[in-house]
Amino acid sequence: MFYPSVVIPIGVRIDRHLMRWAKRKYKRLKRSDRRAWAWLGGVRERSPGLFAHWALRY
């Protein structure tokens, strides 16, 4: 059985880790959480199948 309410917090945590990774990798994202979240949202729009949890959450 699949419970979407259980997947959402896990997906948020994975997204938070991806944001931290992006902030370490790209200098322009280093100082701004908002900019890093926006970058991650752009990646999600361009490649929605890149991570499996995006298909379950969005």
N, C-alpha and C. Protein backbone atom coordinates (compact mmCIF):
# COMPACT_ATOMS: atom_id res chain seq x y z
N MET A 1 0.83 -1.17 0.00
CA MET A 1 0.00 0.00 0.00
C MET A 1 0.89 1.25 0.00
N PHE A 2 0.44 2.29 -0.65
CA PHE A 2 1.21 3.52 -0.83
C PHE A 2 0.49 4.68 -0.16
N TYR A 3 1.18 5.38 0.71
CA TYR A 3 0.62 6.53 1.41
C TYR A 3 1.36 7.80 0.99
N PRO A 4 0.74 8.66 0.19
CA PRO A 4 1.42 9.90 -0.23
C PRO A 4 1.81 10.78 0.95
N SER A 5 1.05 10.75 2.03
CA SER A 5 1.37 11.59 3.19
C SER A 5 2.70 11.20 3.83
N VAL A 6 3.14 9.97 3.61
CA VAL A 6 4.42 9.52 4.15
C VAL A 6 5.56 9.93 3.23
N VAL A 7 5.30 9.99 1.94
CA VAL A 7 6.34 10.31 0.96
C VAL A 7 6.70 11.79 0.98
N ILE A 8 5.75 12.65 1.28
CA ILE A 8 5.99 14.10 1.21
C ILE A 8 7.14 14.55 2.12
N PRO A 9 7.18 14.18 3.40
CA PRO A 9 8.31 14.61 4.23
C PRO A 9 9.65 14.06 3.76
N ILE A 10 9.65 12.86 3.23
CA ILE A 10 10.89 12.28 2.71
C ILE A 10 11.35 13.06 1.49
N GLY A 11 10.40 13.40 0.61
CA GLY A 11 10.73 14.19 -0.57
C GLY A 11 11.26 15.57 -0.22
N VAL A 12 10.68 16.19 0.80
CA VAL A 12 11.16 17.50 1.25
C VAL A 12 12.59 17.39 1.75
N ARG A 13 12.86 16.34 2.49
CA ARG A 13 14.22 16.13 3.01
C ARG A 13 15.22 15.91 1.89
N ILE A 14 14.85 15.12 0.89
CA ILE A 14 15.73 14.89 -0.26
C ILE A 14 15.98 16.20 -1.00
N ASP A 15 14.91 16.99 -1.19
CA ASP A 15 15.07 18.29 -1.85
C ASP A 15 15.99 19.21 -1.06
N ARG A 16 15.89 19.18 0.26
CA ARG A 16 16.77 19.99 1.10
C ARG A 16 18.24 19.58 0.92
N HIS A 17 18.48 18.29 0.83
CA HIS A 17 19.84 17.81 0.59
C HIS A 17 20.34 18.22 -0.80
N LEU A 18 19.46 18.15 -1.79
CA LEU A 18 19.84 18.59 -3.13
C LEU A 18 20.16 20.09 -3.14
N MET A 19 19.39 20.87 -2.39
CA MET A 19 19.65 22.31 -2.31
C MET A 19 21.01 22.56 -1.68
N ARG A 20 21.33 21.86 -0.61
CA ARG A 20 22.64 22.03 0.04
C ARG A 20 23.77 21.64 -0.89
N TRP A 21 23.58 20.56 -1.65
CA TRP A 21 24.59 20.14 -2.62
C TRP A 21 24.81 21.24 -3.67
N ALA A 22 23.72 21.80 -4.17
CA ALA A 22 23.82 22.85 -5.19
C ALA A 22 24.52 24.08 -4.63
N LYS A 23 24.26 24.41 -3.36
CA LYS A 23 24.91 25.57 -2.76
C LYS A 23 26.41 25.36 -2.63
N ARG A 24 26.84 24.13 -2.41
CA ARG A 24 28.28 23.85 -2.36
C ARG A 24 28.90 23.82 -3.75
N LYS A 25 28.15 23.37 -4.74
CA LYS A 25 28.69 23.21 -6.09
C LYS A 25 28.76 24.53 -6.86
N TYR A 26 27.75 25.37 -6.74
CA TYR A 26 27.66 26.60 -7.53
C TYR A 26 27.84 27.83 -6.65
N LYS A 27 28.84 28.64 -6.98
CA LYS A 27 29.15 29.83 -6.18
C LYS A 27 27.97 30.79 -6.10
N ARG A 28 27.24 30.95 -7.18
CA ARG A 28 26.15 31.94 -7.19
C ARG A 28 24.99 31.54 -6.29
N LEU A 29 24.93 30.29 -5.89
CA LEU A 29 23.86 29.82 -4.99
C LEU A 29 24.32 29.77 -3.53
N LYS A 30 25.60 29.96 -3.31
CA LYS A 30 26.19 29.70 -2.00
C LYS A 30 25.55 30.48 -0.85
N ARG A 31 25.19 31.74 -1.07
CA ARG A 31 24.73 32.58 0.03
C ARG A 31 23.22 32.69 0.16
N SER A 32 22.47 32.15 -0.78
CA SER A 32 21.04 32.40 -0.77
C SER A 32 20.23 31.11 -0.86
N ASP A 33 19.48 30.81 0.20
CA ASP A 33 18.59 29.64 0.17
C ASP A 33 17.49 29.84 -0.88
N ARG A 34 16.99 31.05 -0.96
CA ARG A 34 15.91 31.34 -1.92
C ARG A 34 16.37 31.10 -3.35
N ARG A 35 17.56 31.55 -3.67
CA ARG A 35 18.10 31.35 -5.02
C ARG A 35 18.33 29.86 -5.30
N ALA A 36 18.81 29.12 -4.28
CA ALA A 36 19.04 27.69 -4.44
C ALA A 36 17.72 26.94 -4.65
N TRP A 37 16.67 27.32 -3.90
CA TRP A 37 15.35 26.69 -4.09
C TRP A 37 14.82 26.99 -5.49
N ALA A 38 15.02 28.24 -5.94
CA ALA A 38 14.55 28.61 -7.28
C ALA A 38 15.30 27.81 -8.34
N TRP A 39 16.60 27.62 -8.14
CA TRP A 39 17.39 26.83 -9.09
C TRP A 39 16.86 25.40 -9.13
N LEU A 40 16.60 24.83 -7.95
CA LEU A 40 16.09 23.46 -7.89
C LEU A 40 14.72 23.36 -8.55
N GLY A 41 13.89 24.37 -8.36
CA GLY A 41 12.58 24.39 -9.03
C GLY A 41 12.72 24.45 -10.55
N GLY A 42 13.69 25.19 -11.03
CA GLY A 42 13.95 25.24 -12.47
C GLY A 42 14.41 23.91 -13.02
N VAL A 43 15.26 23.23 -12.26
CA VAL A 43 15.71 21.89 -12.67
C VAL A 43 14.52 20.95 -12.72
N ARG A 44 13.64 21.07 -11.73
CA ARG A 44 12.45 20.21 -11.67
C ARG A 44 11.54 20.45 -12.87
N GLU A 45 11.41 21.70 -13.30
CA GLU A 45 10.58 22.01 -14.47
C GLU A 45 11.22 21.49 -15.76
N ARG A 46 12.53 21.63 -15.87
CA ARG A 46 13.22 21.19 -17.09
C ARG A 46 13.30 19.67 -17.21
N SER A 47 13.51 19.00 -16.08
CA SER A 47 13.68 17.54 -16.08
C SER A 47 12.87 16.91 -14.96
N PRO A 48 11.55 16.82 -15.13
CA PRO A 48 10.72 16.31 -14.03
C PRO A 48 10.97 14.84 -13.69
N GLY A 49 11.55 14.08 -14.58
CA GLY A 49 11.80 12.67 -14.30
C GLY A 49 13.20 12.39 -13.77
N LEU A 50 13.94 13.43 -13.43
CA LEU A 50 15.32 13.27 -12.98
C LEU A 50 15.40 12.50 -11.67
N PHE A 51 14.52 12.78 -10.74
CA PHE A 51 14.48 12.08 -9.46
C PHE A 51 13.11 11.46 -9.27
N ALA A 52 13.08 10.24 -8.77
CA ALA A 52 11.82 9.49 -8.63
C ALA A 52 10.85 10.16 -7.67
N HIS A 53 11.35 10.79 -6.62
CA HIS A 53 10.43 11.39 -5.65
C HIS A 53 9.70 12.60 -6.23
N TRP A 54 10.23 13.23 -7.26
CA TRP A 54 9.52 14.34 -7.90
C TRP A 54 8.26 13.85 -8.58
N ALA A 55 8.30 12.67 -9.15
CA ALA A 55 7.11 12.12 -9.81
C ALA A 55 6.01 11.83 -8.78
N LEU A 56 6.40 11.50 -7.57
CA LEU A 56 5.43 11.19 -6.52
C LEU A 56 4.89 12.45 -5.85
N ARG A 57 5.69 13.50 -5.79
CA ARG A 57 5.29 14.70 -5.06
C ARG A 57 4.63 15.75 -5.95
N TYR A 58 5.10 15.94 -7.18
CA TYR A 58 4.63 17.05 -8.01
C TYR A 58 3.82 16.60 -9.20
